[in-house]
All heavy atoms as atom14 arrays in JSON, in Angstrom:
{
  "sequence": "EEQLKNYKKQVIINLVDQTGREKIIGDAYLKQVLLYNNANLTYVSF",
  "atom14_mask": [
    [1, 1, 1, 1, 1, 1, 1, 1, 1, 0, 0, 0, 0, 0],
    [1, 1, 1, 1, 1, 1, 1, 1, 1, 0, 0, 0, 0, 0],
    [1, 1, 1, 1, 1, 1, 1, 1, 1, 0, 0, 0, 0, 0],
    [1, 1, 1, 1, 1, 1, 1, 1, 0, 0, 0, 0, 0, 0],
    [1, 1, 1, 1, 1, 1, 1, 1, 1, 0, 0, 0, 0, 0],
    [1, 1, 1, 1, 1, 1, 1, 1, 0, 0, 0, 0, 0, 0],
    [1, 1, 1, 1, 1, 1, 1, 1, 1, 1, 1, 1, 0, 0],
    [1, 1, 1, 1, 1, 1, 1, 1, 1, 0, 0, 0, 0, 0],
    [1, 1, 1, 1, 1, 1, 1, 1, 1, 0, 0, 0, 0, 0],
    [1, 1, 1, 1, 1, 1, 1, 1, 1, 0, 0, 0, 0, 0],
    [1, 1, 1, 1, 1, 1, 1, 0, 0, 0, 0, 0, 0, 0],
    [1, 1, 1, 1, 1, 1, 1, 1, 0, 0, 0, 0, 0, 0],
    [1, 1, 1, 1, 1, 1, 1, 1, 0, 0, 0, 0, 0, 0],
    [1, 1, 1, 1, 1, 1, 1, 1, 0, 0, 0, 0, 0, 0],
    [1, 1, 1, 1, 1, 1, 1, 1, 0, 0, 0, 0, 0, 0],
    [1, 1, 1, 1, 1, 1, 1, 0, 0, 0, 0, 0, 0, 0],
    [1, 1, 1, 1, 1, 1, 1, 1, 0, 0, 0, 0, 0, 0],
    [1, 1, 1, 1, 1, 1, 1, 1, 1, 0, 0, 0, 0, 0],
    [1, 1, 1, 1, 1, 1, 1, 0, 0, 0, 0, 0, 0, 0],
    [1, 1, 1, 1, 0, 0, 0, 0, 0, 0, 0, 0, 0, 0],
    [1, 1, 1, 1, 1, 1, 1, 1, 1, 1, 1, 0, 0, 0],
    [1, 1, 1, 1, 1, 1, 1, 1, 1, 0, 0, 0, 0, 0],
    [1, 1, 1, 1, 1, 1, 1, 1, 1, 0, 0, 0, 0, 0],
    [1, 1, 1, 1, 1, 1, 1, 1, 0, 0, 0, 0, 0, 0],
    [1, 1, 1, 1, 1, 1, 1, 1, 0, 0, 0, 0, 0, 0],
    [1, 1, 1, 1, 0, 0, 0, 0, 0, 0, 0, 0, 0, 0],
    [1, 1, 1, 1, 1, 1, 1, 1, 0, 0, 0, 0, 0, 0],
    [1, 1, 1, 1, 1, 0, 0, 0, 0, 0, 0, 0, 0, 0],
    [1, 1, 1, 1, 1, 1, 1, 1, 1, 1, 1, 1, 0, 0],
    [1, 1, 1, 1, 1, 1, 1, 1, 0, 0, 0, 0, 0, 0],
    [1, 1, 1, 1, 1, 1, 1, 1, 1, 0, 0, 0, 0, 0],
    [1, 1, 1, 1, 1, 1, 1, 1, 1, 0, 0, 0, 0, 0],
    [1, 1, 1, 1, 1, 1, 1, 0, 0, 0, 0, 0, 0, 0],
    [1, 1, 1, 1, 1, 1, 1, 1, 0, 0, 0, 0, 0, 0],
    [1, 1, 1, 1, 1, 1, 1, 1, 0, 0, 0, 0, 0, 0],
    [1, 1, 1, 1, 1, 1, 1, 1, 1, 1, 1, 1, 0, 0],
    [1, 1, 1, 1, 1, 1, 1, 1, 0, 0, 0, 0, 0, 0],
    [1, 1, 1, 1, 1, 1, 1, 1, 0, 0, 0, 0, 0, 0],
    [1, 1, 1, 1, 1, 0, 0, 0, 0, 0, 0, 0, 0, 0],
    [1, 1, 1, 1, 1, 1, 1, 1, 0, 0, 0, 0, 0, 0],
    [1, 1, 1, 1, 1, 1, 1, 1, 0, 0, 0, 0, 0, 0],
    [1, 1, 1, 1, 1, 1, 1, 0, 0, 0, 0, 0, 0, 0],
    [1, 1, 1, 1, 1, 1, 1, 1, 1, 1, 1, 1, 0, 0],
    [1, 1, 1, 1, 1, 1, 1, 0, 0, 0, 0, 0, 0, 0],
    [1, 1, 1, 1, 1, 1, 0, 0, 0, 0, 0, 0, 0, 0],
    [1, 1, 1, 1, 1, 1, 1, 1, 1, 1, 1, 0, 0, 0]
  ],
  "atom14_positions": [
    [[89.64, 117.88, 136.39], [89.41, 116.83, 137.38], [89.43, 115.45, 136.78], [90.0, 114.52, 137.24], [88.16, 117.06, 138.24], [88.42, 118.19, 139.22], [87.18, 118.56, 140.05], [86.13, 118.02, 139.82], [87.35, 119.5, 140.89], [0.0, 0.0, 0.0], [0.0, 0.0, 0.0], [0.0, 0.0, 0.0], [0.0, 0.0, 0.0], [0.0, 0.0, 0.0]],
    [[88.79, 115.32, 135.62], [88.79, 114.08, 134.88], [90.19, 113.8, 134.31], [90.62, 112.59, 134.45], [87.79, 114.15, 133.68], [87.64, 112.9, 132.88], [87.04, 111.75, 133.62], [86.31, 111.98, 134.68], [87.23, 110.61, 133.18], [0.0, 0.0, 0.0], [0.0, 0.0, 0.0], [0.0, 0.0, 0.0], [0.0, 0.0, 0.0], [0.0, 0.0, 0.0]],
    [[90.87, 114.71, 133.84], [92.26, 114.5, 133.35], [93.15, 114.07, 134.44], [93.91, 113.06, 134.28], [92.81, 115.84, 132.71], [92.19, 116.29, 131.46], [92.37, 115.3, 130.37], [93.51, 115.14, 129.92], [91.38, 114.65, 129.97], [0.0, 0.0, 0.0], [0.0, 0.0, 0.0], [0.0, 0.0, 0.0], [0.0, 0.0, 0.0], [0.0, 0.0, 0.0]],
    [[93.07, 114.68, 135.68], [93.96, 114.37, 136.77], [93.54, 113.0, 137.39], [94.37, 112.25, 137.92], [93.98, 115.38, 137.78], [94.62, 116.74, 137.31], [94.41, 117.83, 138.33], [96.11, 116.56, 136.99], [0.0, 0.0, 0.0], [0.0, 0.0, 0.0], [0.0, 0.0, 0.0], [0.0, 0.0, 0.0], [0.0, 0.0, 0.0], [0.0, 0.0, 0.0]],
    [[92.28, 112.68, 137.28], [91.84, 111.35, 137.77], [92.51, 110.23, 136.86], [93.01, 109.24, 137.38], [90.34, 111.22, 137.67], [89.77, 109.87, 138.18], [88.26, 109.85, 138.15], [87.92, 109.35, 136.76], [86.51, 109.16, 136.54], [0.0, 0.0, 0.0], [0.0, 0.0, 0.0], [0.0, 0.0, 0.0], [0.0, 0.0, 0.0], [0.0, 0.0, 0.0]],
    [[92.51, 110.49, 135.56], [93.07, 109.5, 134.64], [94.62, 109.45, 134.57], [95.22, 108.43, 134.45], [92.55, 109.77, 133.25], [91.11, 109.45, 133.1], [90.56, 108.68, 133.85], [90.47, 110.14, 132.16], [0.0, 0.0, 0.0], [0.0, 0.0, 0.0], [0.0, 0.0, 0.0], [0.0, 0.0, 0.0], [0.0, 0.0, 0.0], [0.0, 0.0, 0.0]],
    [[95.24, 110.7, 134.71], [96.72, 110.75, 134.47], [97.51, 111.23, 135.59], [98.79, 111.39, 135.51], [96.99, 111.7, 133.24], [96.09, 111.25, 132.0], [95.14, 112.01, 131.58], [96.38, 110.01, 131.37], [94.32, 111.62, 130.46], [95.61, 109.61, 130.3], [94.63, 110.42, 129.78], [93.88, 110.05, 128.77], [0.0, 0.0, 0.0], [0.0, 0.0, 0.0]],
    [[96.89, 111.6, 136.72], [97.56, 112.06, 138.01], [98.21, 113.46, 137.9], [97.87, 114.29, 138.64], [98.56, 111.09, 138.49], [98.1, 109.61, 138.6], [96.98, 109.45, 139.44], [96.49, 108.05, 139.52], [95.04, 107.9, 139.2], [0.0, 0.0, 0.0], [0.0, 0.0, 0.0], [0.0, 0.0, 0.0], [0.0, 0.0, 0.0], [0.0, 0.0, 0.0]],
    [[99.11, 113.66, 136.93], [99.75, 114.94, 136.78], [99.76, 115.22, 135.27], [99.8, 114.33, 134.45], [101.2, 114.97, 137.24], [101.3, 114.82, 138.74], [102.73, 115.03, 139.13], [102.87, 115.03, 140.7], [104.16, 115.42, 141.11], [0.0, 0.0, 0.0], [0.0, 0.0, 0.0], [0.0, 0.0, 0.0], [0.0, 0.0, 0.0], [0.0, 0.0, 0.0]],
    [[99.69, 116.61, 134.97], [99.71, 116.91, 133.56], [100.53, 118.17, 133.26], [100.57, 119.07, 134.19], [98.29, 117.21, 133.02], [97.63, 115.93, 132.63], [96.44, 116.21, 131.62], [95.66, 117.14, 131.78], [96.35, 115.38, 130.64], [0.0, 0.0, 0.0], [0.0, 0.0, 0.0], [0.0, 0.0, 0.0], [0.0, 0.0, 0.0], [0.0, 0.0, 0.0]],
    [[101.19, 118.22, 132.16], [101.81, 119.44, 131.76], [100.99, 120.0, 130.61], [100.76, 119.28, 129.62], [103.3, 119.15, 131.19], [103.87, 120.42, 130.6], [104.15, 118.59, 132.31], [0.0, 0.0, 0.0], [0.0, 0.0, 0.0], [0.0, 0.0, 0.0], [0.0, 0.0, 0.0], [0.0, 0.0, 0.0], [0.0, 0.0, 0.0], [0.0, 0.0, 0.0]],
    [[100.46, 121.15, 130.82], [99.61, 121.84, 129.82], [100.58, 122.68, 128.89], [101.26, 123.52, 129.4], [98.56, 122.8, 130.44], [97.73, 122.03, 131.43], [97.75, 123.51, 129.42], [96.91, 122.96, 132.35], [0.0, 0.0, 0.0], [0.0, 0.0, 0.0], [0.0, 0.0, 0.0], [0.0, 0.0, 0.0], [0.0, 0.0, 0.0], [0.0, 0.0, 0.0]],
    [[100.45, 122.44, 127.58], [101.19, 123.29, 126.7], [100.23, 124.05, 125.89], [99.47, 123.46, 125.01], [102.2, 122.44, 125.76], [103.14, 121.66, 126.71], [102.89, 123.35, 124.8], [104.05, 120.68, 125.99], [0.0, 0.0, 0.0], [0.0, 0.0, 0.0], [0.0, 0.0, 0.0], [0.0, 0.0, 0.0], [0.0, 0.0, 0.0], [0.0, 0.0, 0.0]],
    [[100.18, 125.3, 126.09], [99.29, 126.21, 125.38], [99.91, 126.67, 124.11], [100.94, 127.29, 124.11], [98.88, 127.43, 126.3], [97.89, 128.31, 125.61], [97.51, 128.15, 124.46], [97.55, 129.38, 126.34], [0.0, 0.0, 0.0], [0.0, 0.0, 0.0], [0.0, 0.0, 0.0], [0.0, 0.0, 0.0], [0.0, 0.0, 0.0], [0.0, 0.0, 0.0]],
    [[99.33, 126.24, 122.87], [99.94, 126.52, 121.65], [99.3, 127.64, 120.89], [99.66, 127.91, 119.72], [99.87, 125.25, 120.76], [100.65, 124.05, 121.38], [100.41, 122.84, 120.47], [102.11, 124.28, 121.54], [0.0, 0.0, 0.0], [0.0, 0.0, 0.0], [0.0, 0.0, 0.0], [0.0, 0.0, 0.0], [0.0, 0.0, 0.0], [0.0, 0.0, 0.0]],
    [[98.36, 128.41, 121.51], [97.71, 129.45, 120.76], [98.62, 130.68, 120.61], [99.55, 130.91, 121.37], [96.4, 129.96, 121.44], [95.42, 128.78, 121.56], [96.61, 130.54, 122.74], [0.0, 0.0, 0.0], [0.0, 0.0, 0.0], [0.0, 0.0, 0.0], [0.0, 0.0, 0.0], [0.0, 0.0, 0.0], [0.0, 0.0, 0.0], [0.0, 0.0, 0.0]],
    [[98.35, 131.41, 119.54], [99.12, 132.63, 119.27], [98.91, 133.65, 120.46], [97.86, 134.04, 120.76], [98.61, 133.27, 117.99], [99.35, 134.53, 117.62], [100.23, 134.94, 118.28], [98.98, 135.07, 116.52], [0.0, 0.0, 0.0], [0.0, 0.0, 0.0], [0.0, 0.0, 0.0], [0.0, 0.0, 0.0], [0.0, 0.0, 0.0], [0.0, 0.0, 0.0]],
    [[100.01, 134.0, 121.12], [99.96, 134.79, 122.34], [99.83, 136.31, 122.1], [99.66, 137.05, 123.03], [101.16, 134.52, 123.25], [101.32, 133.08, 123.63], [100.14, 132.59, 124.45], [99.85, 133.2, 125.49], [99.54, 131.49, 124.07], [0.0, 0.0, 0.0], [0.0, 0.0, 0.0], [0.0, 0.0, 0.0], [0.0, 0.0, 0.0], [0.0, 0.0, 0.0]],
    [[99.98, 136.73, 120.86], [99.97, 138.15, 120.57], [98.91, 138.55, 119.48], [98.54, 139.66, 119.41], [101.33, 138.66, 120.14], [101.73, 137.91, 118.96], [102.35, 138.51, 121.21], [0.0, 0.0, 0.0], [0.0, 0.0, 0.0], [0.0, 0.0, 0.0], [0.0, 0.0, 0.0], [0.0, 0.0, 0.0], [0.0, 0.0, 0.0], [0.0, 0.0, 0.0]],
    [[98.51, 137.57, 118.68], [97.68, 137.93, 117.59], [96.16, 137.75, 117.93], [95.71, 137.92, 119.08], [0.0, 0.0, 0.0], [0.0, 0.0, 0.0], [0.0, 0.0, 0.0], [0.0, 0.0, 0.0], [0.0, 0.0, 0.0], [0.0, 0.0, 0.0], [0.0, 0.0, 0.0], [0.0, 0.0, 0.0], [0.0, 0.0, 0.0], [0.0, 0.0, 0.0]],
    [[95.36, 137.29, 116.96], [93.98, 137.18, 117.07], [93.49, 136.07, 118.09], [92.42, 136.21, 118.59], [93.27, 136.93, 115.73], [93.84, 135.72, 115.01], [93.44, 135.55, 113.54], [92.11, 136.08, 113.27], [91.81, 136.83, 112.22], [92.72, 137.23, 111.4], [90.56, 137.2, 112.03], [0.0, 0.0, 0.0], [0.0, 0.0, 0.0], [0.0, 0.0, 0.0]],
    [[94.39, 135.19, 118.45], [94.02, 134.15, 119.43], [94.38, 134.49, 120.85], [94.12, 133.75, 121.75], [94.76, 132.84, 119.11], [94.38, 132.22, 117.75], [95.21, 130.99, 117.36], [96.26, 130.72, 118.03], [94.83, 130.29, 116.44], [0.0, 0.0, 0.0], [0.0, 0.0, 0.0], [0.0, 0.0, 0.0], [0.0, 0.0, 0.0], [0.0, 0.0, 0.0]],
    [[94.94, 135.74, 121.02], [95.39, 136.18, 122.41], [94.22, 136.08, 123.42], [94.4, 135.76, 124.55], [95.88, 137.58, 122.28], [96.39, 138.15, 123.61], [97.03, 139.43, 123.48], [97.52, 140.1, 124.75], [97.45, 139.44, 126.01], [0.0, 0.0, 0.0], [0.0, 0.0, 0.0], [0.0, 0.0, 0.0], [0.0, 0.0, 0.0], [0.0, 0.0, 0.0]],
    [[92.99, 136.45, 122.97], [91.87, 136.42, 123.95], [91.62, 134.98, 124.51], [91.27, 134.83, 125.62], [90.57, 136.94, 123.21], [89.48, 137.17, 124.14], [90.15, 136.09, 122.04], [88.24, 137.86, 123.58], [0.0, 0.0, 0.0], [0.0, 0.0, 0.0], [0.0, 0.0, 0.0], [0.0, 0.0, 0.0], [0.0, 0.0, 0.0], [0.0, 0.0, 0.0]],
    [[91.85, 133.97, 123.66], [91.69, 132.54, 124.09], [92.79, 132.17, 125.03], [92.52, 131.5, 126.07], [91.6, 131.59, 122.91], [90.46, 132.06, 121.9], [91.43, 130.17, 123.29], [89.11, 132.2, 122.52], [0.0, 0.0, 0.0], [0.0, 0.0, 0.0], [0.0, 0.0, 0.0], [0.0, 0.0, 0.0], [0.0, 0.0, 0.0], [0.0, 0.0, 0.0]],
    [[94.03, 132.54, 124.67], [95.23, 132.21, 125.51], [95.16, 132.86, 126.88], [95.43, 132.26, 127.89], [0.0, 0.0, 0.0], [0.0, 0.0, 0.0], [0.0, 0.0, 0.0], [0.0, 0.0, 0.0], [0.0, 0.0, 0.0], [0.0, 0.0, 0.0], [0.0, 0.0, 0.0], [0.0, 0.0, 0.0], [0.0, 0.0, 0.0], [0.0, 0.0, 0.0]],
    [[94.67, 134.12, 126.93], [94.52, 134.83, 128.21], [93.46, 134.19, 129.05], [93.59, 134.05, 130.23], [94.17, 136.31, 127.93], [95.3, 137.06, 127.39], [96.5, 136.59, 127.35], [95.13, 138.19, 126.94], [0.0, 0.0, 0.0], [0.0, 0.0, 0.0], [0.0, 0.0, 0.0], [0.0, 0.0, 0.0], [0.0, 0.0, 0.0], [0.0, 0.0, 0.0]],
    [[92.33, 133.78, 128.41], [91.22, 133.09, 129.22], [91.69, 131.79, 129.71], [91.36, 131.41, 130.87], [90.01, 132.94, 128.25], [0.0, 0.0, 0.0], [0.0, 0.0, 0.0], [0.0, 0.0, 0.0], [0.0, 0.0, 0.0], [0.0, 0.0, 0.0], [0.0, 0.0, 0.0], [0.0, 0.0, 0.0], [0.0, 0.0, 0.0], [0.0, 0.0, 0.0]],
    [[92.49, 131.06, 129.03], [93.03, 129.76, 129.39], [93.96, 129.98, 130.64], [93.78, 129.3, 131.67], [93.74, 129.14, 128.25], [94.13, 127.64, 128.34], [93.59, 126.84, 129.33], [94.95, 127.05, 127.43], [93.94, 125.48, 129.41], [95.23, 125.73, 127.46], [94.76, 124.97, 128.48], [95.09, 123.64, 128.48], [0.0, 0.0, 0.0], [0.0, 0.0, 0.0]],
    [[94.8, 130.83, 130.52], [95.79, 131.12, 131.67], [95.04, 131.54, 132.88], [95.34, 131.08, 133.98], [96.8, 132.22, 131.23], [97.79, 132.59, 132.33], [98.58, 131.42, 132.96], [98.71, 133.65, 131.82], [0.0, 0.0, 0.0], [0.0, 0.0, 0.0], [0.0, 0.0, 0.0], [0.0, 0.0, 0.0], [0.0, 0.0, 0.0], [0.0, 0.0, 0.0]],
    [[94.02, 132.39, 132.74], [93.27, 132.85, 133.84], [92.53, 131.73, 134.61], [92.55, 131.61, 135.74], [92.21, 133.94, 133.37], [91.37, 134.47, 134.45], [92.27, 135.35, 135.35], [91.29, 136.06, 136.43], [92.0, 136.88, 137.33], [0.0, 0.0, 0.0], [0.0, 0.0, 0.0], [0.0, 0.0, 0.0], [0.0, 0.0, 0.0], [0.0, 0.0, 0.0]],
    [[92.01, 130.78, 133.82], [91.34, 129.59, 134.36], [92.34, 128.74, 135.09], [92.03, 128.14, 136.17], [90.58, 128.8, 133.34], [89.36, 129.49, 132.72], [88.29, 129.72, 133.83], [87.99, 128.9, 134.66], [87.58, 130.92, 133.82], [0.0, 0.0, 0.0], [0.0, 0.0, 0.0], [0.0, 0.0, 0.0], [0.0, 0.0, 0.0], [0.0, 0.0, 0.0]],
    [[93.52, 128.53, 134.49], [94.6, 127.71, 135.21], [94.93, 128.35, 136.5], [95.07, 127.68, 137.58], [95.8, 127.58, 134.34], [96.96, 126.98, 135.03], [95.54, 126.77, 133.12], [0.0, 0.0, 0.0], [0.0, 0.0, 0.0], [0.0, 0.0, 0.0], [0.0, 0.0, 0.0], [0.0, 0.0, 0.0], [0.0, 0.0, 0.0], [0.0, 0.0, 0.0]],
    [[95.08, 129.62, 136.56], [95.45, 130.39, 137.78], [94.3, 130.21, 138.82], [94.59, 130.09, 139.99], [95.8, 131.84, 137.5], [97.01, 132.07, 136.67], [97.17, 133.53, 136.28], [98.25, 131.56, 137.42], [0.0, 0.0, 0.0], [0.0, 0.0, 0.0], [0.0, 0.0, 0.0], [0.0, 0.0, 0.0], [0.0, 0.0, 0.0], [0.0, 0.0, 0.0]],
    [[93.07, 130.36, 138.38], [91.95, 130.21, 139.32], [91.84, 128.8, 139.84], [91.5, 128.57, 141.06], [90.61, 130.56, 138.55], [90.38, 132.05, 138.32], [89.18, 132.26, 137.44], [90.27, 132.8, 139.55], [0.0, 0.0, 0.0], [0.0, 0.0, 0.0], [0.0, 0.0, 0.0], [0.0, 0.0, 0.0], [0.0, 0.0, 0.0], [0.0, 0.0, 0.0]],
    [[92.13, 127.77, 139.04], [92.02, 126.38, 139.42], [93.17, 126.08, 140.39], [92.96, 125.34, 141.38], [92.11, 125.46, 138.26], [91.9, 124.03, 138.41], [90.83, 123.57, 139.24], [92.78, 123.1, 137.97], [90.65, 122.23, 139.4], [92.54, 121.71, 138.18], [91.51, 121.31, 138.94], [91.32, 120.0, 139.14], [0.0, 0.0, 0.0], [0.0, 0.0, 0.0]],
    [[94.36, 126.68, 140.18], [95.51, 126.57, 141.15], [95.71, 125.24, 141.69], [95.64, 124.94, 142.87], [95.24, 127.58, 142.26], [96.49, 127.76, 143.15], [97.59, 127.58, 142.62], [96.28, 128.18, 144.41], [0.0, 0.0, 0.0], [0.0, 0.0, 0.0], [0.0, 0.0, 0.0], [0.0, 0.0, 0.0], [0.0, 0.0, 0.0], [0.0, 0.0, 0.0]],
    [[96.05, 124.24, 140.83], [96.27, 122.8, 141.17], [97.74, 122.51, 141.01], [98.3, 122.77, 139.92], [95.39, 121.91, 140.34], [95.44, 120.52, 140.88], [96.49, 119.86, 141.0], [94.22, 119.89, 141.11], [0.0, 0.0, 0.0], [0.0, 0.0, 0.0], [0.0, 0.0, 0.0], [0.0, 0.0, 0.0], [0.0, 0.0, 0.0], [0.0, 0.0, 0.0]],
    [[98.33, 121.97, 142.1], [99.76, 121.68, 142.05], [100.1, 120.57, 141.06], [101.3, 120.42, 140.71], [100.23, 121.3, 143.44], [0.0, 0.0, 0.0], [0.0, 0.0, 0.0], [0.0, 0.0, 0.0], [0.0, 0.0, 0.0], [0.0, 0.0, 0.0], [0.0, 0.0, 0.0], [0.0, 0.0, 0.0], [0.0, 0.0, 0.0], [0.0, 0.0, 0.0]],
    [[99.18, 119.77, 140.69], [99.39, 118.64, 139.62], [99.31, 119.14, 138.22], [99.54, 118.3, 137.29], [98.41, 117.56, 139.91], [98.67, 116.88, 141.25], [99.82, 116.63, 141.55], [97.59, 116.58, 141.95], [0.0, 0.0, 0.0], [0.0, 0.0, 0.0], [0.0, 0.0, 0.0], [0.0, 0.0, 0.0], [0.0, 0.0, 0.0], [0.0, 0.0, 0.0]],
    [[99.12, 120.42, 137.97], [99.09, 120.94, 136.57], [100.3, 121.85, 136.48], [100.54, 122.74, 137.36], [97.89, 121.7, 136.29], [96.61, 121.05, 136.24], [95.46, 122.06, 135.85], [96.66, 119.98, 135.13], [0.0, 0.0, 0.0], [0.0, 0.0, 0.0], [0.0, 0.0, 0.0], [0.0, 0.0, 0.0], [0.0, 0.0, 0.0], [0.0, 0.0, 0.0]],
    [[101.1, 121.69, 135.38], [102.12, 122.59, 135.01], [101.79, 123.26, 133.7], [101.49, 122.63, 132.75], [103.46, 121.85, 134.9], [103.78, 121.16, 136.13], [104.65, 122.8, 134.49], [0.0, 0.0, 0.0], [0.0, 0.0, 0.0], [0.0, 0.0, 0.0], [0.0, 0.0, 0.0], [0.0, 0.0, 0.0], [0.0, 0.0, 0.0], [0.0, 0.0, 0.0]],
    [[101.74, 124.56, 133.72], [101.33, 125.37, 132.56], [102.54, 125.94, 131.83], [103.36, 126.59, 132.43], [100.38, 126.49, 132.97], [99.88, 127.38, 131.9], [98.77, 127.07, 131.15], [100.59, 128.57, 131.53], [98.26, 127.89, 130.21], [100.14, 129.35, 130.5], [98.99, 129.04, 129.85], [98.51, 129.85, 128.85], [0.0, 0.0, 0.0], [0.0, 0.0, 0.0]],
    [[102.59, 125.66, 130.48], [103.71, 126.19, 129.64], [103.02, 126.82, 128.42], [102.16, 126.2, 127.82], [104.55, 125.03, 129.23], [105.66, 125.57, 128.24], [105.27, 124.34, 130.37], [0.0, 0.0, 0.0], [0.0, 0.0, 0.0], [0.0, 0.0, 0.0], [0.0, 0.0, 0.0], [0.0, 0.0, 0.0], [0.0, 0.0, 0.0], [0.0, 0.0, 0.0]],
    [[103.36, 128.02, 128.15], [102.92, 128.68, 126.93], [104.03, 128.65, 125.9], [105.14, 129.06, 126.12], [102.56, 130.17, 127.26], [102.04, 130.75, 126.12], [0.0, 0.0, 0.0], [0.0, 0.0, 0.0], [0.0, 0.0, 0.0], [0.0, 0.0, 0.0], [0.0, 0.0, 0.0], [0.0, 0.0, 0.0], [0.0, 0.0, 0.0], [0.0, 0.0, 0.0]],
    [[103.69, 128.05, 124.76], [104.65, 128.03, 123.58], [103.95, 128.57, 122.36], [103.07, 128.01, 121.8], [105.12, 126.66, 123.37], [106.2, 126.43, 122.29], [107.45, 126.62, 122.65], [105.8, 126.22, 120.96], [108.51, 126.5, 121.69], [106.79, 126.09, 120.03], [108.16, 126.27, 120.39], [0.0, 0.0, 0.0], [0.0, 0.0, 0.0], [0.0, 0.0, 0.0]]
  ]
}
C-alpha cells in the first residue's frame, strides 16, 4: 500500500531461486501477491 501510494503501479520481479533452497521464500511471496490481488501490481518471476 505504501509502494502503490508512492509509485501508483509496480512491476514486481522476484529474483529468488525458484527450485533450490530459496524456493520456500519465492512460494511464500507468490502466495502473498495472489492473496493481495491488486490490479496495480504485475508479478514476474525471473
